[in-house]
PDB file of N, CA and C in Angstrom:
ATOM      1  N   MET A   1    -164.941  18.686 -74.735  1.00  0.00           N
ATOM      2  CA  MET A   1    -164.531  17.940 -75.905  1.00  0.00           C
ATOM      3  C   MET A   1    -165.642  17.996 -76.932  1.00  0.00           C
ATOM      4  N   LYS A   2    -165.329  18.538 -78.121  1.00  0.00           N
ATOM      5  CA  LYS A   2    -166.326  18.652 -79.177  1.00  0.00           C
ATOM      6  C   LYS A   2    -166.073  17.590 -80.231  1.00  0.00           C
ATOM      7  N   ILE A   3    -167.048  16.734 -80.447  1.00  0.00           N
ATOM      8  CA  ILE A   3    -166.958  15.692 -81.458  1.00  0.00           C
ATOM      9  C   ILE A   3    -168.105  15.893 -82.428  1.00  0.00           C
ATOM     10  N   ASP A   4    -167.772  16.025 -83.688  1.00  0.00           N
ATOM     11  CA  ASP A   4    -168.747  16.224 -84.744  1.00  0.00           C
ATOM     12  C   ASP A   4    -168.875  14.909 -85.496  1.00  0.00           C
ATOM     13  N   THR A   5    -170.015  14.258 -85.413  1.00  0.00           N
ATOM     14  CA  THR A   5    -170.204  12.958 -86.053  1.00  0.00           C
ATOM     15  C   THR A   5    -171.172  13.088 -87.208  1.00  0.00           C
ATOM     16  N   THR A   6    -170.768  12.553 -88.356  1.00  0.00           N
ATOM     17  CA  THR A   6    -171.611  12.543 -89.545  1.00  0.00           C
ATOM     18  C   THR A   6    -171.818  11.096 -89.940  1.00  0.00           C
ATOM     19  N   SER A   7    -173.076  10.688 -90.074  1.00  0.00           N
ATOM     20  CA  SER A   7    -173.367   9.311 -90.458  1.00  0.00           C
ATOM     21  C   SER A   7    -173.857   9.260 -91.889  1.00  0.00           C
ATOM     22  N   ALA A   8    -173.578   8.166 -92.540  1.00  0.00           N
ATOM     23  CA  ALA A   8    -174.027   7.964 -93.914  1.00  0.00           C
ATOM     24  C   ALA A   8    -174.640   6.574 -94.016  1.00  0.00           C
ATOM     25  N   LEU A   9    -175.652   6.435 -94.848  1.00  0.00           N
ATOM     26  CA  LEU A   9    -176.277   5.131 -95.081  1.00  0.00           C
ATOM     27  C   LEU A   9    -175.726   4.521 -96.348  1.00  0.00           C
ATOM     28  N   ASN A  10    -175.518   3.203 -96.325  1.00  0.00           N
ATOM     29  CA  ASN A  10    -175.138   2.559 -97.580  1.00  0.00           C
ATOM     30  C   ASN A  10    -176.387   2.407 -98.432  1.00  0.00           C
ATOM     31  N   SER A  11    -176.244   1.816 -99.599  1.00  0.00           N
ATOM     32  CA  SER A  11    -177.367   1.771-100.543  1.00  0.00           C
ATOM     33  C   SER A  11    -178.564   1.001-100.009  1.00  0.00           C
ATOM     34  N   THR A  12    -178.357   0.051 -99.108  1.00  0.00           N
ATOM     35  CA  THR A  12    -179.484  -0.724 -98.587  1.00  0.00           C
ATOM     36  C   THR A  12    -179.982  -0.181 -97.255  1.00  0.00           C
ATOM     37  N   GLY A  13    -179.165   0.667 -96.614  1.00  0.00           N
ATOM     38  CA  GLY A  13    -179.572   1.226 -95.331  1.00  0.00           C
ATOM     39  C   GLY A  13    -179.369   0.265 -94.178  1.00  0.00           C
ATOM     40  N   VAL A  14    -178.750  -0.895 -94.425  1.00  0.00           N
ATOM     41  CA  VAL A  14    -178.514  -1.866 -93.365  1.00  0.00           C
ATOM     42  C   VAL A  14    -177.063  -2.328 -93.403  1.00  0.00           C
ATOM     43  N   GLY A  15    -176.643  -3.010 -92.356  1.00  0.00           N
ATOM     44  CA  GLY A  15    -175.307  -3.581 -92.329  1.00  0.00           C
ATOM     45  C   GLY A  15    -174.267  -2.625 -91.789  1.00  0.00           C
ATOM     46  N   ASP A  16    -173.077  -3.163 -91.649  1.00  0.00           N
ATOM     47  CA  ASP A  16    -171.978  -2.357 -91.135  1.00  0.00           C
ATOM     48  C   ASP A  16    -171.400  -1.486 -92.235  1.00  0.00           C
ATOM     49  N   ARG A  17    -171.124  -0.235 -91.855  1.00  0.00           N
ATOM     50  CA  ARG A  17    -170.489   0.692 -92.776  1.00  0.00           C
ATOM     51  C   ARG A  17    -169.040   0.868 -92.355  1.00  0.00           C
ATOM     52  N   PRO A  18    -168.142   1.085 -93.302  1.00  0.00           N
ATOM     53  CA  PRO A  18    -166.750   1.351 -92.925  1.00  0.00           C
ATOM     54  C   PRO A  18    -166.678   2.602 -92.049  1.00  0.00           C
ATOM     55  N   ARG A  19    -165.894   2.508 -90.973  1.00  0.00           N
ATOM     56  CA  ARG A  19    -165.798   3.606 -90.005  1.00  0.00           C
ATOM     57  C   ARG A  19    -164.491   4.356 -90.203  1.00  0.00           C
ATOM     58  N   LEU A  20    -164.614   5.663 -90.464  1.00  0.00           N
ATOM     59  CA  LEU A  20    -163.449   6.519 -90.644  1.00  0.00           C
ATOM     60  C   LEU A  20    -163.407   7.576 -89.552  1.00  0.00           C
ATOM     61  N   LEU A  21    -162.218   7.802 -89.031  1.00  0.00           N
ATOM     62  CA  LEU A  21    -161.975   8.897 -88.097  1.00  0.00           C
ATOM     63  C   LEU A  21    -161.119   9.917 -88.826  1.00  0.00           C
ATOM     64  N   ILE A  22    -161.595  11.147 -88.906  1.00  0.00           N
ATOM     65  CA  ILE A  22    -160.850  12.221 -89.553  1.00  0.00           C
ATOM     66  C   ILE A  22    -160.419  13.206 -88.478  1.00  0.00           C
ATOM     67  N   VAL A  23    -159.097  13.439 -88.371  1.00  0.00           N
ATOM     68  CA  VAL A  23    -158.532  14.305 -87.335  1.00  0.00           C
ATOM     69  C   VAL A  23    -157.787  15.446 -88.010  1.00  0.00           C
ATOM     70  N   ASP A  24    -158.338  16.644 -87.882  1.00  0.00           N
ATOM     71  CA  ASP A  24    -157.706  17.841 -88.439  1.00  0.00           C
ATOM     72  C   ASP A  24    -158.273  19.044 -87.708  1.00  0.00           C
ATOM     73  N   ASP A  25    -157.431  20.023 -87.422  1.00  0.00           N
ATOM     74  CA  ASP A  25    -157.904  21.214 -86.710  1.00  0.00           C
ATOM     75  C   ASP A  25    -158.674  22.166 -87.619  1.00  0.00           C
ATOM     76  N   ASP A  26    -158.645  21.956 -88.918  1.00  0.00           N
ATOM     77  CA  ASP A  26    -159.378  22.787 -89.872  1.00  0.00           C
ATOM     78  C   ASP A  26    -160.798  22.233 -90.014  1.00  0.00           C
ATOM     79  N   VAL A  27    -161.734  22.861 -89.340  1.00  0.00           N
ATOM     80  CA  VAL A  27    -163.121  22.384 -89.299  1.00  0.00           C
ATOM     81  C   VAL A  27    -163.733  22.339 -90.696  1.00  0.00           C
ATOM     82  N   ASN A  28    -163.514  23.374 -91.487  1.00  0.00           N
ATOM     83  CA  ASN A  28    -164.100  23.418 -92.830  1.00  0.00           C
ATOM     84  C   ASN A  28    -163.537  22.314 -93.727  1.00  0.00           C
ATOM     85  N   PHE A  29    -162.251  22.053 -93.608  1.00  0.00           N
ATOM     86  CA  PHE A  29    -161.636  20.976 -94.388  1.00  0.00           C
ATOM     87  C   PHE A  29    -162.222  19.624 -93.990  1.00  0.00           C
ATOM     88  N   CYS A  30    -162.404  19.406 -92.692  1.00  0.00           N
ATOM     89  CA  CYS A  30    -163.012  18.158 -92.209  1.00  0.00           C
ATOM     90  C   CYS A  30    -164.413  17.973 -92.775  1.00  0.00           C
ATOM     91  N   ARG A  31    -165.187  19.029 -92.773  1.00  0.00           N
ATOM     92  CA  ARG A  31    -166.550  18.941 -93.315  1.00  0.00           C
ATOM     93  C   ARG A  31    -166.537  18.629 -94.805  1.00  0.00           C
ATOM     94  N   LEU A  32    -165.590  19.218 -95.526  1.00  0.00           N
ATOM     95  CA  LEU A  32    -165.467  18.959 -96.958  1.00  0.00           C
ATOM     96  C   LEU A  32    -165.173  17.484 -97.217  1.00  0.00           C
ATOM     97  N   ILE A  33    -164.202  16.930 -96.510  1.00  0.00           N
ATOM     98  CA  ILE A  33    -163.871  15.511 -96.661  1.00  0.00           C
ATOM     99  C   ILE A  33    -165.055  14.644 -96.261  1.00  0.00           C
ATOM    100  N   SER A  34    -165.691  14.991 -95.148  1.00  0.00           N
ATOM    101  CA  SER A  34    -166.822  14.221 -94.647  1.00  0.00           C
ATOM    102  C   SER A  34    -167.982  14.214 -95.651  1.00  0.00           C
ATOM    103  N   ASN A  35    -168.310  15.368 -96.177  1.00  0.00           N
ATOM    104  CA  ASN A  35    -169.404  15.453 -97.152  1.00  0.00           C
ATOM    105  C   ASN A  35    -169.118  14.610 -98.386  1.00  0.00           C
ATOM    106  N   TYR A  36    -167.889  14.615 -98.828  1.00  0.00           N
ATOM    107  CA  TYR A  36    -167.525  13.826-100.008  1.00  0.00           C
ATOM    108  C   TYR A  36    -167.584  12.328 -99.711  1.00  0.00           C
ATOM    109  N   LEU A  37    -166.931  11.895 -98.644  1.00  0.00           N
ATOM    110  CA  LEU A  37    -166.844  10.459 -98.354  1.00  0.00           C
ATOM    111  C   LEU A  37    -168.160   9.852 -97.881  1.00  0.00           C
ATOM    112  N   SER A  38    -169.008  10.644 -97.258  1.00  0.00           N
ATOM    113  CA  SER A  38    -170.283  10.100 -96.785  1.00  0.00           C
ATOM    114  C   SER A  38    -171.155   9.622 -97.940  1.00  0.00           C
ATOM    115  N   ARG A  39    -170.948  10.169 -99.111  1.00  0.00           N
ATOM    116  CA  ARG A  39    -171.694   9.720-100.298  1.00  0.00           C
ATOM    117  C   ARG A  39    -171.396   8.272-100.657  1.00  0.00           C
ATOM    118  N   PHE A  40    -170.261   7.771-100.189  1.00  0.00           N
ATOM    119  CA  PHE A  40    -169.835   6.414-100.509  1.00  0.00           C
ATOM    120  C   PHE A  40    -170.143   5.428 -99.391  1.00  0.00           C
ATOM    121  N   GLY A  41    -170.927   5.874 -98.398  1.00  0.00           N
ATOM    122  CA  GLY A  41    -171.400   4.959 -97.370  1.00  0.00           C
ATOM    123  C   GLY A  41    -170.548   4.854 -96.128  1.00  0.00           C
ATOM    124  N   TYR A  42    -169.582   5.729 -95.960  1.00  0.00           N
ATOM    125  CA  TYR A  42    -168.738   5.683 -94.771  1.00  0.00           C
ATOM    126  C   TYR A  42    -169.432   6.310 -93.569  1.00  0.00           C
ATOM    127  N   GLU A  43    -169.201   5.731 -92.416  1.00  0.00           N
ATOM    128  CA  GLU A  43    -169.597   6.348 -91.149  1.00  0.00           C
ATOM    129  C   GLU A  43    -168.390   7.170 -90.704  1.00  0.00           C
ATOM    130  N   ILE A  44    -168.570   8.467 -90.557  1.00  0.00           N
ATOM    131  CA  ILE A  44    -167.442   9.366 -90.342  1.00  0.00           C
ATOM    132  C   ILE A  44    -167.572  10.103 -89.020  1.00  0.00           C
ATOM    133  N   THR A  45    -166.473  10.138 -88.280  1.00  0.00           N
ATOM    134  CA  THR A  45    -166.392  10.932 -87.062  1.00  0.00           C
ATOM    135  C   THR A  45    -165.284  11.958 -87.257  1.00  0.00           C
ATOM    136  N   LEU A  46    -165.585  13.211 -86.934  1.00  0.00           N
ATOM    137  CA  LEU A  46    -164.627  14.305 -87.091  1.00  0.00           C
ATOM    138  C   LEU A  46    -164.131  14.753 -85.723  1.00  0.00           C
ATOM    139  N   ILE A  47    -162.817  14.896 -85.601  1.00  0.00           N
ATOM    140  CA  ILE A  47    -162.196  15.372 -84.369  1.00  0.00           C
ATOM    141  C   ILE A  47    -161.258  16.512 -84.741  1.00  0.00           C
ATOM    142  N   HIS A  48    -161.212  17.540 -83.898  1.00  0.00           N
ATOM    143  CA  HIS A  48    -160.420  18.716 -84.240  1.00  0.00           C
ATOM    144  C   HIS A  48    -159.267  18.974 -83.282  1.00  0.00           C
ATOM    145  N   GLY A  49    -159.002  18.073 -82.351  1.00  0.00           N
ATOM    146  CA  GLY A  49    -157.901  18.245 -81.410  1.00  0.00           C
ATOM    147  C   GLY A  49    -157.185  16.933 -81.148  1.00  0.00           C
ATOM    148  N   ALA A  50    -155.900  17.019 -80.820  1.00  0.00           N
ATOM    149  CA  ALA A  50    -155.067  15.823 -80.649  1.00  0.00           C
ATOM    150  C   ALA A  50    -155.493  14.970 -79.456  1.00  0.00           C
ATOM    151  N   LEU A  51    -155.747  15.594 -78.316  1.00  0.00           N
ATOM    152  CA  LEU A  51    -156.126  14.814 -77.134  1.00  0.00           C
ATOM    153  C   LEU A  51    -157.452  14.098 -77.336  1.00  0.00           C
ATOM    154  N   GLU A  52    -158.408  14.800 -77.922  1.00  0.00           N
ATOM    155  CA  GLU A  52    -159.692  14.170 -78.222  1.00  0.00           C
ATOM    156  C   GLU A  52    -159.516  13.031 -79.225  1.00  0.00           C
ATOM    157  N   ALA A  53    -158.626  13.234 -80.184  1.00  0.00           N
ATOM    158  CA  ALA A  53    -158.384  12.210 -81.200  1.00  0.00           C
ATOM    159  C   ALA A  53    -157.872  10.926 -80.566  1.00  0.00           C
ATOM    160  N   LEU A  54    -156.944  11.056 -79.651  1.00  0.00           N
ATOM    161  CA  LEU A  54    -156.403   9.864 -78.995  1.00  0.00           C
ATOM    162  C   LEU A  54    -157.473   9.152 -78.185  1.00  0.00           C
ATOM    163  N   ASP A  55    -158.282   9.910 -77.453  1.00  0.00           N
ATOM    164  CA  ASP A  55    -159.361   9.310 -76.667  1.00  0.00           C
ATOM    165  C   ASP A  55    -160.331   8.537 -77.558  1.00  0.00           C
ATOM    166  N   VAL A  56    -160.796   9.189 -78.616  1.00  0.00           N
ATOM    167  CA  VAL A  56    -161.787   8.581 -79.499  1.00  0.00           C
ATOM    168  C   VAL A  56    -161.174   7.436 -80.303  1.00  0.00           C
ATOM    169  N   ALA A  57    -159.957   7.625 -80.798  1.00  0.00           N
ATOM    170  CA  ALA A  57    -159.308   6.593 -81.611  1.00  0.00           C
ATOM    171  C   ALA A  57    -159.098   5.313 -80.820  1.00  0.00           C
ATOM    172  N   CYS A  58    -158.762   5.445 -79.561  1.00  0.00           N
ATOM    173  CA  CYS A  58    -158.492   4.266 -78.734  1.00  0.00           C
ATOM    174  C   CYS A  58    -159.757   3.653 -78.136  1.00  0.00           C
ATOM    175  N   ALA A  59    -160.862   4.386 -78.137  1.00  0.00           N
ATOM    176  CA  ALA A  59    -162.100   3.905 -77.540  1.00  0.00           C
ATOM    177  C   ALA A  59    -162.903   3.008 -78.486  1.00  0.00           C
ATOM    178  N   LYS A  60    -162.677   3.141 -79.789  1.00  0.00           N
ATOM    179  CA  LYS A  60    -163.435   2.376 -80.781  1.00  0.00           C
ATOM    180  C   LYS A  60    -162.473   1.768 -81.791  1.00  0.00           C
ATOM    181  N   SER A  61    -163.013   0.853 -82.586  1.00  0.00           N
ATOM    182  CA  SER A  61    -162.206   0.327 -83.689  1.00  0.00           C
ATOM    183  C   SER A  61    -162.584   1.088 -84.963  1.00  0.00           C
ATOM    184  N   TRP A  62    -161.573   1.332 -85.784  1.00  0.00           N
ATOM    185  CA  TRP A  62    -161.745   2.111 -87.006  1.00  0.00           C
ATOM    186  C   TRP A  62    -161.213   1.315 -88.187  1.00  0.00           C
ATOM    187  N   ASP A  63    -161.826   1.515 -89.340  1.00  0.00           N
ATOM    188  CA  ASP A  63    -161.299   0.914 -90.564  1.00  0.00           C
ATOM    189  C   ASP A  63    -160.116   1.720 -91.079  1.00  0.00           C
ATOM    190  N   ALA A  64    -160.139   3.028 -90.855  1.00  0.00           N
ATOM    191  CA  ALA A  64    -159.030   3.891 -91.249  1.00  0.00           C
ATOM    192  C   ALA A  64    -159.138   5.214 -90.495  1.00  0.00           C
ATOM    193  N   ILE A  65    -157.987   5.867 -90.367  1.00  0.00           N
ATOM    194  CA  ILE A  65    -157.921   7.186 -89.736  1.00  0.00           C
ATOM    195  C   ILE A  65    -157.192   8.121 -90.693  1.00  0.00           C
ATOM    196  N   VAL A  66    -157.787   9.286 -90.932  1.00  0.00           N
ATOM    197  CA  VAL A  66    -157.146  10.348 -91.703  1.00  0.00           C
ATOM    198  C   VAL A  66    -156.643  11.345 -90.675  1.00  0.00           C
ATOM    199  N   LEU A  67    -155.315  11.575 -90.646  1.00  0.00           N
ATOM    200  CA  LEU A  67    -154.696  12.324 -89.559  1.00  0.00           C
ATOM    201  C   LEU A  67    -153.855  13.472 -90.089  1.00  0.00           C
ATOM    202  N   ASP A  68    -154.131  14.674 -89.599  1.00  0.00           N
ATOM    203  CA  ASP A  68    -153.321  15.848 -89.911  1.00  0.00           C
ATOM    204  C   ASP A  68    -151.961  15.680 -89.247  1.00  0.00           C
ATOM    205  N   GLU A  69    -150.905  15.859 -90.004  1.00  0.00           N
ATOM    206  CA  GLU A  69    -149.554  15.675 -89.475  1.00  0.00           C
ATOM    207  C   GLU A  69    -149.188  16.754 -88.457  1.00  0.00           C
ATOM    208  N   MET A  70    -149.721  17.951 -88.607  1.00  0.00           N
ATOM    209  CA  MET A  70    -149.318  19.082 -87.780  1.00  0.00           C
ATOM    210  C   MET A  70    -150.479  19.609 -86.934  1.00  0.00           C
ATOM    211  N   LEU A  71    -150.891  18.863 -85.942  1.00  0.00           N
ATOM    212  CA  LEU A  71    -151.937  19.327 -85.046  1.00  0.00           C
ATOM    213  C   LEU A  71    -151.342  20.332 -84.063  1.00  0.00           C
ATOM    214  N   PRO A  72    -152.049  21.424 -83.788  1.00  0.00           N
ATOM    215  CA  PRO A  72    -151.515  22.441 -82.874  1.00  0.00           C
ATOM    216  C   PRO A  72    -151.253  21.876 -81.476  1.00  0.00           C
ATOM    217  N   GLY A  73    -150.121  22.269 -80.897  1.00  0.00           N
ATOM    218  CA  GLY A  73    -149.805  21.906 -79.528  1.00  0.00           C
ATOM    219  C   GLY A  73    -149.303  20.496 -79.333  1.00  0.00           C
ATOM    220  N   VAL A  74    -148.977  19.794 -80.430  1.00  0.00           N
ATOM    221  CA  VAL A  74    -148.543  18.406 -80.328  1.00  0.00           C
ATOM    222  C   VAL A  74    -147.262  18.239 -81.143  1.00  0.00           C
ATOM    223  N   GLN A  75    -146.313  17.496 -80.586  1.00  0.00           N
ATOM    224  CA  GLN A  75    -145.107  17.192 -81.344  1.00  0.00           C
ATOM    225  C   GLN A  75    -145.454  16.382 -82.578  1.00  0.00           C
ATOM    226  N   GLU A  76    -144.707  16.626 -83.645  1.00  0.00           N
ATOM    227  CA  GLU A  76    -144.934  15.926 -84.900  1.00  0.00           C
ATOM    228  C   GLU A  76    -144.924  14.411 -84.684  1.00  0.00           C
ATOM    229  N   PHE A  77    -145.908  13.731 -85.198  1.00  0.00           N
ATOM    230  CA  PHE A  77    -146.068  12.275 -85.188  1.00  0.00           C
ATOM    231  C   PHE A  77    -146.380  11.686 -83.813  1.00  0.00           C
ATOM    232  N   LYS A  78    -146.567  12.491 -82.783  1.00  0.00           N
ATOM    233  CA  LYS A  78    -146.884  11.950 -81.464  1.00  0.00           C
ATOM    234  C   LYS A  78    -148.213  11.189 -81.477  1.00  0.00           C
ATOM    235  N   VAL A  79    -149.206  11.751 -82.141  1.00  0.00           N
ATOM    236  CA  VAL A  79    -150.514  11.097 -82.207  1.00  0.00           C
ATOM    237  C   VAL A  79    -150.392   9.784 -82.984  1.00  0.00           C
ATOM    238  N   LEU A  80    -149.673   9.795 -84.100  1.00  0.00           N
ATOM    239  CA  LEU A  80    -149.488   8.573 -84.876  1.00  0.00           C
ATOM    240  C   LEU A  80    -148.783   7.504 -84.053  1.00  0.00           C
ATOM    241  N   LYS A  81    -147.733   7.872 -83.347  1.00  0.00           N
ATOM    242  CA  LYS A  81    -147.003   6.904 -82.529  1.00  0.00           C
ATOM    243  C   LYS A  81    -147.907   6.292 -81.466  1.00  0.00           C
ATOM    244  N   LYS A  82    -148.709   7.111 -80.807  1.00  0.00           N
ATOM    245  CA  LYS A  82    -149.620   6.611 -79.784  1.00  0.00           C
ATOM    246  C   LYS A  82    -150.655   5.662 -80.397  1.00  0.00           C
ATOM    247  N   LEU A  83    -151.169   6.026 -81.563  1.00  0.00           N
ATOM    248  CA  LEU A  83    -152.123   5.146 -82.242  1.00  0.00           C
ATOM    249  C   LEU A  83    -151.486   3.799 -82.565  1.00  0.00           C
ATOM    250  N   ARG A  84    -150.267   3.825 -83.038  1.00  0.00           N
ATOM    251  CA  ARG A  84    -149.555   2.599 -83.386  1.00  0.00           C
ATOM    252  C   ARG A  84    -149.256   1.760 -82.149  1.00  0.00           C
ATOM    253  N   ASP A  85    -149.012   2.398 -81.021  1.00  0.00           N
ATOM    254  CA  ASP A  85    -148.758   1.659 -79.786  1.00  0.00           C
ATOM    255  C   ASP A  85    -150.004   0.919 -79.309  1.00  0.00           C
ATOM    256  N   ASP A  86    -151.188   1.502 -79.543  1.00  0.00           N
ATOM    257  CA  ASP A  86    -152.428   0.958 -78.998  1.00  0.00           C
ATOM    258  C   ASP A  86    -153.194   0.024 -79.932  1.00  0.00           C
ATOM    259  N   GLN A  87    -153.041   0.206 -81.238  1.00  0.00           N
ATOM    260  CA  GLN A  87    -153.831  -0.601 -82.162  1.00  0.00           C
ATOM    261  C   GLN A  87    -153.206  -0.611 -83.547  1.00  0.00           C
ATOM    262  N   HIS A  88    -153.689  -1.544 -84.364  1.00  0.00           N
ATOM    263  CA  HIS A  88    -153.238  -1.608 -85.749  1.00  0.00           C
ATOM    264  C   HIS A  88    -154.382  -1.112 -86.615  1.00  0.00           C
ATOM    265  N   VAL A  89    -154.192   0.051 -87.224  1.00  0.00           N
ATOM    266  CA  VAL A  89    -155.222   0.642 -88.071  1.00  0.00           C
ATOM    267  C   VAL A  89    -154.533   1.372 -89.219  1.00  0.00           C
ATOM    268  N   ARG A  90    -155.182   1.403 -90.349  1.00  0.00           N
ATOM    269  CA  ARG A  90    -154.639   2.156 -91.482  1.00  0.00           C
ATOM    270  C   ARG A  90    -154.728   3.644 -91.171  1.00  0.00           C
ATOM    271  N   VAL A  91    -153.634   4.374 -91.417  1.00  0.00           N
ATOM    272  CA  VAL A  91    -153.607   5.814 -91.160  1.00  0.00           C
ATOM    273  C   VAL A  91    -153.108   6.528 -92.405  1.00  0.00           C
ATOM    274  N   LEU A  92    -153.897   7.468 -92.877  1.00  0.00           N
ATOM    275  CA  LEU A  92    -153.507   8.322 -93.987  1.00  0.00           C
ATOM    276  C   LEU A  92    -153.112   9.667 -93.391  1.00  0.00           C
ATOM    277  N   MET A  93    -151.849  10.069 -93.594  1.00  0.00           N
ATOM    278  CA  MET A  93    -151.350  11.320 -93.035  1.00  0.00           C
ATOM    279  C   MET A  93    -151.559  12.453 -94.026  1.00  0.00           C
ATOM    280  N   LEU A  94    -152.080  13.569 -93.517  1.00  0.00           N
ATOM    281  CA  LEU A  94    -152.252  14.780 -94.323  1.00  0.00           C
ATOM    282  C   LEU A  94    -151.191  15.792 -93.933  1.00  0.00           C
ATOM    283  N   THR A  95    -150.648  16.497 -94.920  1.00  0.00           N
ATOM    284  CA  THR A  95    -149.698  17.552 -94.627  1.00  0.00           C
ATOM    285  C   THR A  95    -149.795  18.646 -95.675  1.00  0.00           C
ATOM    286  N   THR A  96    -149.475  19.849 -95.265  1.00  0.00           N
ATOM    287  CA  THR A  96    -149.405  20.973 -96.193  1.00  0.00           C
ATOM    288  C   THR A  96    -147.991  21.522 -96.223  1.00  0.00           C
ATOM    289  N   LEU A  97    -147.045  20.775 -95.697  1.00  0.00           N
ATOM    290  CA  LEU A  97    -145.661  21.221 -95.628  1.00  0.00           C
ATOM    291  C   LEU A  97    -144.913  20.882 -96.906  1.00  0.00           C
ATOM    292  N   GLY A  98    -144.405  21.880 -97.584  1.00  0.00           N
ATOM    293  CA  GLY A  98    -143.511  21.690 -98.717  1.00  0.00           C
ATOM    294  C   GLY A  98    -144.156  21.084 -99.937  1.00  0.00           C
ATOM    295  N   PRO A  99    -143.537  21.289-101.089  1.00  0.00           N
ATOM    296  CA  PRO A  99    -144.088  20.783-102.336  1.00  0.00           C
ATOM    297  C   PRO A  99    -143.751  19.317-102.613  1.00  0.00           C
ATOM    298  N   GLU A 100    -142.730  18.787-101.961  1.00  0.00           N
ATOM    299  CA  GLU A 100    -142.325  17.421-102.267  1.00  0.00           C
ATOM    300  C   GLU A 100    -143.250  16.394-101.618  1.00  0.00           C
ATOM    301  N   ILE A 101    -143.289  15.253-102.222  1.00  0.00           N
ATOM    302  CA  ILE A 101    -144.119  14.159-101.714  1.00  0.00           C
ATOM    303  C   ILE A 101    -143.335  13.448-100.614  1.00  0.00           C
ATOM    304  N   ARG A 102    -144.004  13.207 -99.499  1.00  0.00           N
ATOM    305  CA  ARG A 102    -143.384  12.488 -98.396  1.00  0.00           C
ATOM    306  C   ARG A 102    -144.120  11.173 -98.216  1.00  0.00           C
ATOM    307  N   ARG A 103    -143.396  10.088 -98.181  1.00  0.00           N
ATOM    308  CA  ARG A 103    -143.993   8.772 -97.979  1.00  0.00           C
ATOM    309  C   ARG A 103    -143.527   8.244 -96.644  1.00  0.00           C
ATOM    310  N   MET A 104    -144.455   7.648 -95.935  1.00  0.00           N
ATOM    311  CA  MET A 104    -144.154   7.113 -94.617  1.00  0.00           C
ATOM    312  C   MET A 104    -144.601   5.673 -94.544  1.00  0.00           C
ATOM    313  N   ALA A 105    -143.745   4.816 -94.099  1.00  0.00           N
ATOM    314  CA  ALA A 105    -144.118   3.420 -93.894  1.00  0.00           C
ATOM    315  C   ALA A 105    -144.512   3.250 -92.428  1.00  0.00           C
ATOM    316  N   SER A 106    -145.550   2.506 -92.223  1.00  0.00           N
ATOM    317  CA  SER A 106    -145.948   2.260 -90.831  1.00  0.00           C
ATOM    318  C   SER A 106    -146.309   0.811 -90.628  1.00  0.00           C
TER     319      SER A 106
END
């Protein structure tokens, strides 16, 4: 299991930072998001597989999770459903399918 963790300091270097879990199989895309958001003081953990995502997501508490809708080898929304069964956390779904905007209530 490969977990890539990027930490960021807030302006004072102390206190709790918002914790984000980013789950996407595109490693370069994850790094891009992580590099951008870390500037704003977020503590970011990057996961590139569905099974690892479920393990890590359920092992800690998160302020938000950014989740790729189409992870390889997993039925659509299976990871989201499992996350919803285990905890209440904000989830932002990413997709590259189709030009239309898709909104999901959770």
